[in-house]
PDB file of all heavy atoms in Angstrom:
ATOM      1  N   GLU A   1       6.810  -3.905   3.130  1.00  0.00           N
ATOM      2  CA  GLU A   1       6.808  -2.759   2.228  1.00  0.00           C
ATOM      3  C   GLU A   1       8.117  -1.980   2.317  1.00  0.00           C
ATOM      4  O   GLU A   1       8.683  -1.588   1.293  1.00  0.00           O
ATOM      5  CB  GLU A   1       5.614  -1.852   2.513  1.00  0.00           C
ATOM      6  CG  GLU A   1       4.314  -2.445   2.041  1.00  0.00           C
ATOM      7  CD  GLU A   1       3.115  -1.544   2.274  1.00  0.00           C
ATOM      8  OE1 GLU A   1       3.284  -0.377   2.711  1.00  0.00           O
ATOM      9  OE2 GLU A   1       1.989  -1.999   2.005  1.00  0.00           O
ATOM     10  N   VAL A   2       8.589  -1.766   3.529  1.00  0.00           N
ATOM     11  CA  VAL A   2       9.857  -1.041   3.699  1.00  0.00           C
ATOM     12  C   VAL A   2      11.002  -1.843   3.084  1.00  0.00           C
ATOM     13  O   VAL A   2      11.802  -1.322   2.300  1.00  0.00           O
ATOM     14  CB  VAL A   2      10.138  -0.738   5.188  1.00  0.00           C
ATOM     15  CG1 VAL A   2      11.550  -0.197   5.377  1.00  0.00           C
ATOM     16  CG2 VAL A   2       9.105   0.248   5.736  1.00  0.00           C
ATOM     17  N   ALA A   3      11.098  -3.114   3.437  1.00  0.00           N
ATOM     18  CA  ALA A   3      12.199  -3.951   2.951  1.00  0.00           C
ATOM     19  C   ALA A   3      12.185  -4.073   1.428  1.00  0.00           C
ATOM     20  O   ALA A   3      13.227  -3.912   0.774  1.00  0.00           O
ATOM     21  CB  ALA A   3      12.133  -5.334   3.595  1.00  0.00           C
ATOM     22  N   LEU A   4      11.026  -4.342   0.858  1.00  0.00           N
ATOM     23  CA  LEU A   4      10.949  -4.500  -0.596  1.00  0.00           C
ATOM     24  C   LEU A   4      11.175  -3.178  -1.307  1.00  0.00           C
ATOM     25  O   LEU A   4      11.772  -3.147  -2.389  1.00  0.00           O
ATOM     26  CB  LEU A   4       9.606  -5.122  -0.991  1.00  0.00           C
ATOM     27  CG  LEU A   4       9.421  -6.572  -0.537  1.00  0.00           C
ATOM     28  CD1 LEU A   4       7.975  -7.009  -0.700  1.00  0.00           C
ATOM     29  CD2 LEU A   4      10.368  -7.500  -1.292  1.00  0.00           C
ATOM     30  N   GLY A   5      10.724  -2.080  -0.710  1.00  0.00           N
ATOM     31  CA  GLY A   5      10.997  -0.766  -1.288  1.00  0.00           C
ATOM     32  C   GLY A   5      12.486  -0.480  -1.337  1.00  0.00           C
ATOM     33  O   GLY A   5      13.008  -0.005  -2.348  1.00  0.00           O
ATOM     34  N   VAL A   6      13.195  -0.789  -0.266  1.00  0.00           N
ATOM     35  CA  VAL A   6      14.649  -0.600  -0.232  1.00  0.00           C
ATOM     36  C   VAL A   6      15.325  -1.519  -1.254  1.00  0.00           C
ATOM     37  O   VAL A   6      16.201  -1.098  -2.006  1.00  0.00           O
ATOM     38  CB  VAL A   6      15.210  -0.821   1.189  1.00  0.00           C
ATOM     39  CG1 VAL A   6      16.731  -0.883   1.186  1.00  0.00           C
ATOM     40  CG2 VAL A   6      14.714   0.279   2.124  1.00  0.00           C
ATOM     41  N   LEU A   7      14.914  -2.779  -1.280  1.00  0.00           N
ATOM     42  CA  LEU A   7      15.509  -3.736  -2.227  1.00  0.00           C
ATOM     43  C   LEU A   7      15.267  -3.331  -3.685  1.00  0.00           C
ATOM     44  O   LEU A   7      16.087  -3.635  -4.555  1.00  0.00           O
ATOM     45  CB  LEU A   7      14.968  -5.137  -1.982  1.00  0.00           C
ATOM     46  CG  LEU A   7      15.480  -5.835  -0.735  1.00  0.00           C
ATOM     47  CD1 LEU A   7      14.748  -7.153  -0.526  1.00  0.00           C
ATOM     48  CD2 LEU A   7      16.977  -6.053  -0.810  1.00  0.00           C
ATOM     49  N   LEU A   8      14.173  -2.632  -3.935  1.00  0.00           N
ATOM     50  CA  LEU A   8      13.887  -2.168  -5.292  1.00  0.00           C
ATOM     51  C   LEU A   8      14.951  -1.196  -5.779  1.00  0.00           C
ATOM     52  O   LEU A   8      15.187  -1.072  -6.978  1.00  0.00           O
ATOM     53  CB  LEU A   8      12.504  -1.506  -5.319  1.00  0.00           C
ATOM     54  CG  LEU A   8      11.841  -1.297  -6.670  1.00  0.00           C
ATOM     55  CD1 LEU A   8      11.667  -2.612  -7.407  1.00  0.00           C
ATOM     56  CD2 LEU A   8      10.498  -0.611  -6.487  1.00  0.00           C
ATOM     57  N   LEU A   9      15.654  -0.552  -4.862  1.00  0.00           N
ATOM     58  CA  LEU A   9      16.705   0.403  -5.210  1.00  0.00           C
ATOM     59  C   LEU A   9      18.043  -0.263  -5.492  1.00  0.00           C
ATOM     60  O   LEU A   9      18.970   0.386  -5.969  1.00  0.00           O
ATOM     61  CB  LEU A   9      16.874   1.426  -4.083  1.00  0.00           C
ATOM     62  CG  LEU A   9      15.651   2.293  -3.797  1.00  0.00           C
ATOM     63  CD1 LEU A   9      15.867   3.113  -2.541  1.00  0.00           C
ATOM     64  CD2 LEU A   9      15.329   3.167  -4.996  1.00  0.00           C
ATOM     65  N   ILE A  10      18.159  -1.541  -5.188  1.00  0.00           N
ATOM     66  CA  ILE A  10      19.411  -2.272  -5.394  1.00  0.00           C
ATOM     67  C   ILE A  10      19.277  -3.063  -6.691  1.00  0.00           C
ATOM     68  O   ILE A  10      18.472  -4.001  -6.767  1.00  0.00           O
ATOM     69  CB  ILE A  10      19.691  -3.211  -4.197  1.00  0.00           C
ATOM     70  CG1 ILE A  10      19.769  -2.394  -2.909  1.00  0.00           C
ATOM     71  CG2 ILE A  10      20.961  -4.019  -4.434  1.00  0.00           C
ATOM     72  CD1 ILE A  10      19.770  -3.238  -1.650  1.00  0.00           C
ATOM     73  N   PRO A  11      20.034  -2.677  -7.727  1.00  0.00           N
ATOM     74  CA  PRO A  11      19.855  -3.320  -9.034  1.00  0.00           C
ATOM     75  C   PRO A  11      19.859  -4.848  -8.990  1.00  0.00           C
ATOM     76  O   PRO A  11      19.021  -5.489  -9.627  1.00  0.00           O
ATOM     77  CB  PRO A  11      21.015  -2.770  -9.866  1.00  0.00           C
ATOM     78  CG  PRO A  11      21.280  -1.430  -9.262  1.00  0.00           C
ATOM     79  CD  PRO A  11      21.043  -1.615  -7.778  1.00  0.00           C
ATOM     80  N   ALA A  12      20.761  -5.434  -8.242  1.00  0.00           N
ATOM     81  CA  ALA A  12      20.839  -6.900  -8.190  1.00  0.00           C
ATOM     82  C   ALA A  12      19.614  -7.524  -7.530  1.00  0.00           C
ATOM     83  O   ALA A  12      19.335  -8.705  -7.753  1.00  0.00           O
ATOM     84  CB  ALA A  12      22.111  -7.319  -7.449  1.00  0.00           C
ATOM     85  N   ALA A  13      18.896  -6.761  -6.727  1.00  0.00           N
ATOM     86  CA  ALA A  13      17.743  -7.297  -6.004  1.00  0.00           C
ATOM     87  C   ALA A  13      16.412  -6.753  -6.515  1.00  0.00           C
ATOM     88  O   ALA A  13      15.362  -7.165  -6.047  1.00  0.00           O
ATOM     89  CB  ALA A  13      17.879  -6.968  -4.520  1.00  0.00           C
ATOM     90  N   SER A  14      16.457  -5.845  -7.475  1.00  0.00           N
ATOM     91  CA  SER A  14      15.225  -5.150  -7.870  1.00  0.00           C
ATOM     92  C   SER A  14      14.182  -6.071  -8.493  1.00  0.00           C
ATOM     93  O   SER A  14      12.983  -5.887  -8.282  1.00  0.00           O
ATOM     94  CB  SER A  14      15.543  -3.987  -8.813  1.00  0.00           C
ATOM     95  OG  SER A  14      16.100  -4.452 -10.016  1.00  0.00           O
ATOM     96  N   ARG A  15      14.624  -7.078  -9.220  1.00  0.00           N
ATOM     97  CA  ARG A  15      13.638  -7.974  -9.845  1.00  0.00           C
ATOM     98  C   ARG A  15      12.892  -8.795  -8.799  1.00  0.00           C
ATOM     99  O   ARG A  15      11.669  -8.894  -8.829  1.00  0.00           O
ATOM    100  CB  ARG A  15      14.336  -8.894 -10.849  1.00  0.00           C
ATOM    101  CG  ARG A  15      13.342  -9.714 -11.626  1.00  0.00           C
ATOM    102  CD  ARG A  15      14.006 -10.442 -12.760  1.00  0.00           C
ATOM    103  NE  ARG A  15      12.991 -11.134 -13.532  1.00  0.00           N
ATOM    104  CZ  ARG A  15      13.232 -12.109 -14.358  1.00  0.00           C
ATOM    105  NH1 ARG A  15      14.463 -12.493 -14.564  1.00  0.00           N
ATOM    106  NH2 ARG A  15      12.260 -12.702 -15.009  1.00  0.00           N
ATOM    107  N   ILE A  16      13.612  -9.357  -7.855  1.00  0.00           N
ATOM    108  CA  ILE A  16      12.962 -10.134  -6.793  1.00  0.00           C
ATOM    109  C   ILE A  16      12.110  -9.217  -5.924  1.00  0.00           C
ATOM    110  O   ILE A  16      11.031  -9.605  -5.468  1.00  0.00           O
ATOM    111  CB  ILE A  16      13.976 -10.947  -5.951  1.00  0.00           C
ATOM    112  CG1 ILE A  16      13.242 -11.929  -5.054  1.00  0.00           C
ATOM    113  CG2 ILE A  16      14.848 -10.102  -5.102  1.00  0.00           C
ATOM    114  CD1 ILE A  16      13.141 -13.284  -5.636  1.00  0.00           C
ATOM    115  N   ALA A  17      12.575  -7.974  -5.714  1.00  0.00           N
ATOM    116  CA  ALA A  17      11.791  -7.014  -4.936  1.00  0.00           C
ATOM    117  C   ALA A  17      10.481  -6.697  -5.647  1.00  0.00           C
ATOM    118  O   ALA A  17       9.422  -6.621  -5.010  1.00  0.00           O
ATOM    119  CB  ALA A  17      12.593  -5.732  -4.712  1.00  0.00           C
ATOM    120  N   ALA A  18      10.544  -6.524  -6.959  1.00  0.00           N
ATOM    121  CA  ALA A  18       9.329  -6.228  -7.716  1.00  0.00           C
ATOM    122  C   ALA A  18       8.333  -7.378  -7.612  1.00  0.00           C
ATOM    123  O   ALA A  18       7.136  -7.153  -7.401  1.00  0.00           O
ATOM    124  CB  ALA A  18       9.674  -5.944  -9.176  1.00  0.00           C
ATOM    125  N   TRP A  19       8.806  -8.600  -7.745  1.00  0.00           N
ATOM    126  CA  TRP A  19       7.911  -9.753  -7.610  1.00  0.00           C
ATOM    127  C   TRP A  19       7.362  -9.853  -6.190  1.00  0.00           C
ATOM    128  O   TRP A  19       6.209 -10.227  -5.979  1.00  0.00           O
ATOM    129  CB  TRP A  19       8.597 -11.043  -8.037  1.00  0.00           C
ATOM    130  CG  TRP A  19       8.666 -11.158  -9.528  1.00  0.00           C
ATOM    131  CD1 TRP A  19       9.785 -11.092 -10.305  1.00  0.00           C
ATOM    132  CD2 TRP A  19       7.564 -11.314 -10.432  1.00  0.00           C
ATOM    133  NE1 TRP A  19       9.440 -11.197 -11.632  1.00  0.00           N
ATOM    134  CE2 TRP A  19       8.086 -11.343 -11.741  1.00  0.00           C
ATOM    135  CE3 TRP A  19       6.193 -11.430 -10.257  1.00  0.00           C
ATOM    136  CZ2 TRP A  19       7.276 -11.481 -12.862  1.00  0.00           C
ATOM    137  CZ3 TRP A  19       5.383 -11.572 -11.386  1.00  0.00           C
ATOM    138  CH2 TRP A  19       5.932 -11.605 -12.664  1.00  0.00           C
ATOM    139  N   GLY A  20       8.178  -9.505  -5.200  1.00  0.00           N
ATOM    140  CA  GLY A  20       7.695  -9.481  -3.820  1.00  0.00           C
ATOM    141  C   GLY A  20       6.615  -8.433  -3.627  1.00  0.00           C
ATOM    142  O   GLY A  20       5.614  -8.681  -2.947  1.00  0.00           O
ATOM    143  N   LEU A  21       6.800  -7.262  -4.230  1.00  0.00           N
ATOM    144  CA  LEU A  21       5.781  -6.216  -4.139  1.00  0.00           C
ATOM    145  C   LEU A  21       4.498  -6.642  -4.840  1.00  0.00           C
ATOM    146  O   LEU A  21       3.397  -6.375  -4.346  1.00  0.00           O
ATOM    147  CB  LEU A  21       6.306  -4.910  -4.736  1.00  0.00           C
ATOM    148  CG  LEU A  21       7.364  -4.188  -3.897  1.00  0.00           C
ATOM    149  CD1 LEU A  21       7.965  -3.030  -4.676  1.00  0.00           C
ATOM    150  CD2 LEU A  21       6.770  -3.716  -2.582  1.00  0.00           C
ATOM    151  N   ILE A  22       4.635  -7.298  -5.978  1.00  0.00           N
ATOM    152  CA  ILE A  22       3.450  -7.790  -6.688  1.00  0.00           C
ATOM    153  C   ILE A  22       2.688  -8.778  -5.804  1.00  0.00           C
ATOM    154  O   ILE A  22       1.466  -8.683  -5.655  1.00  0.00           O
ATOM    155  CB  ILE A  22       3.851  -8.412  -8.042  1.00  0.00           C
ATOM    156  CG1 ILE A  22       4.314  -7.295  -8.999  1.00  0.00           C
ATOM    157  CG2 ILE A  22       2.705  -9.222  -8.643  1.00  0.00           C
ATOM    158  CD1 ILE A  22       5.033  -7.796 -10.239  1.00  0.00           C
ATOM    159  N   ALA A  23       3.401  -9.704  -5.199  1.00  0.00           N
ATOM    160  CA  ALA A  23       2.757 -10.677  -4.305  1.00  0.00           C
ATOM    161  C   ALA A  23       2.105  -9.966  -3.114  1.00  0.00           C
ATOM    162  O   ALA A  23       0.978 -10.303  -2.717  1.00  0.00           O
ATOM    163  CB  ALA A  23       3.776 -11.705  -3.819  1.00  0.00           C
ATOM    164  N   LEU A  24       2.790  -8.985  -2.559  1.00  0.00           N
ATOM    165  CA  LEU A  24       2.250  -8.244  -1.420  1.00  0.00           C
ATOM    166  C   LEU A  24       0.989  -7.476  -1.818  1.00  0.00           C
ATOM    167  O   LEU A  24      -0.003  -7.473  -1.082  1.00  0.00           O
ATOM    168  CB  LEU A  24       3.310  -7.283  -0.877  1.00  0.00           C
ATOM    169  CG  LEU A  24       2.904  -6.459   0.336  1.00  0.00           C
ATOM    170  CD1 LEU A  24       2.641  -7.361   1.537  1.00  0.00           C
ATOM    171  CD2 LEU A  24       3.973  -5.439   0.665  1.00  0.00           C
ATOM    172  N   LEU A  25       1.016  -6.844  -2.976  1.00  0.00           N
ATOM    173  CA  LEU A  25      -0.162  -6.096  -3.438  1.00  0.00           C
ATOM    174  C   LEU A  25      -1.366  -7.021  -3.634  1.00  0.00           C
ATOM    175  O   LEU A  25      -2.502  -6.641  -3.325  1.00  0.00           O
ATOM    176  CB  LEU A  25       0.166  -5.344  -4.719  1.00  0.00           C
ATOM    177  CG  LEU A  25       1.058  -4.115  -4.521  1.00  0.00           C
ATOM    178  CD1 LEU A  25       1.673  -3.674  -5.839  1.00  0.00           C
ATOM    179  CD2 LEU A  25       0.279  -2.978  -3.875  1.00  0.00           C
ATOM    180  N   ILE A  26      -1.112  -8.200  -4.118  1.00  0.00           N
ATOM    181  CA  ILE A  26      -2.199  -9.175  -4.270  1.00  0.00           C
ATOM    182  C   ILE A  26      -2.690  -9.619  -2.888  1.00  0.00           C
ATOM    183  O   ILE A  26      -3.895  -9.725  -2.651  1.00  0.00           O
ATOM    184  CB  ILE A  26      -1.744 -10.373  -5.124  1.00  0.00           C
ATOM    185  CG1 ILE A  26      -1.512  -9.908  -6.575  1.00  0.00           C
ATOM    186  CG2 ILE A  26      -2.751 -11.519  -5.056  1.00  0.00           C
ATOM    187  CD1 ILE A  26      -0.773 -10.908  -7.443  1.00  0.00           C
ATOM    188  N   ALA A  27      -1.758  -9.839  -1.975  1.00  0.00           N
ATOM    189  CA  ALA A  27      -2.120 -10.313  -0.631  1.00  0.00           C
ATOM    190  C   ALA A  27      -2.928  -9.284   0.155  1.00  0.00           C
ATOM    191  O   ALA A  27      -3.803  -9.665   0.942  1.00  0.00           O
ATOM    192  CB  ALA A  27      -0.858 -10.680   0.145  1.00  0.00           C
ATOM    193  N   VAL A  28      -2.661  -7.996  -0.040  1.00  0.00           N
ATOM    194  CA  VAL A  28      -3.370  -6.977   0.740  1.00  0.00           C
ATOM    195  C   VAL A  28      -4.649  -6.498   0.046  1.00  0.00           C
ATOM    196  O   VAL A  28      -5.394  -5.692   0.610  1.00  0.00           O
ATOM    197  CB  VAL A  28      -2.467  -5.766   1.083  1.00  0.00           C
ATOM    198  CG1 VAL A  28      -1.259  -6.206   1.890  1.00  0.00           C
ATOM    199  CG2 VAL A  28      -2.077  -4.986  -0.144  1.00  0.00           C
ATOM    200  N   PHE A  29      -4.932  -7.004  -1.142  1.00  0.00           N
ATOM    201  CA  PHE A  29      -6.133  -6.578  -1.853  1.00  0.00           C
ATOM    202  C   PHE A  29      -7.414  -6.787  -1.039  1.00  0.00           C
ATOM    203  O   PHE A  29      -8.291  -5.915  -1.041  1.00  0.00           O
ATOM    204  CB  PHE A  29      -6.240  -7.258  -3.224  1.00  0.00           C
ATOM    205  CG  PHE A  29      -7.361  -6.711  -4.049  1.00  0.00           C
ATOM    206  CD1 PHE A  29      -7.224  -5.503  -4.716  1.00  0.00           C
ATOM    207  CD2 PHE A  29      -8.559  -7.398  -4.151  1.00  0.00           C
ATOM    208  CE1 PHE A  29      -8.263  -4.977  -5.464  1.00  0.00           C
ATOM    209  CE2 PHE A  29      -9.612  -6.885  -4.902  1.00  0.00           C
ATOM    210  CZ  PHE A  29      -9.457  -5.673  -5.557  1.00  0.00           C
TER     211      PHE A  29
END
């Protein structure tokens, strides 16, 4: 969560971070 949240702030990494957060949200459901 910390790493993907930080990556979401980096334009070049924000798309992969968003997909990582989506996967994480599904995994913790």
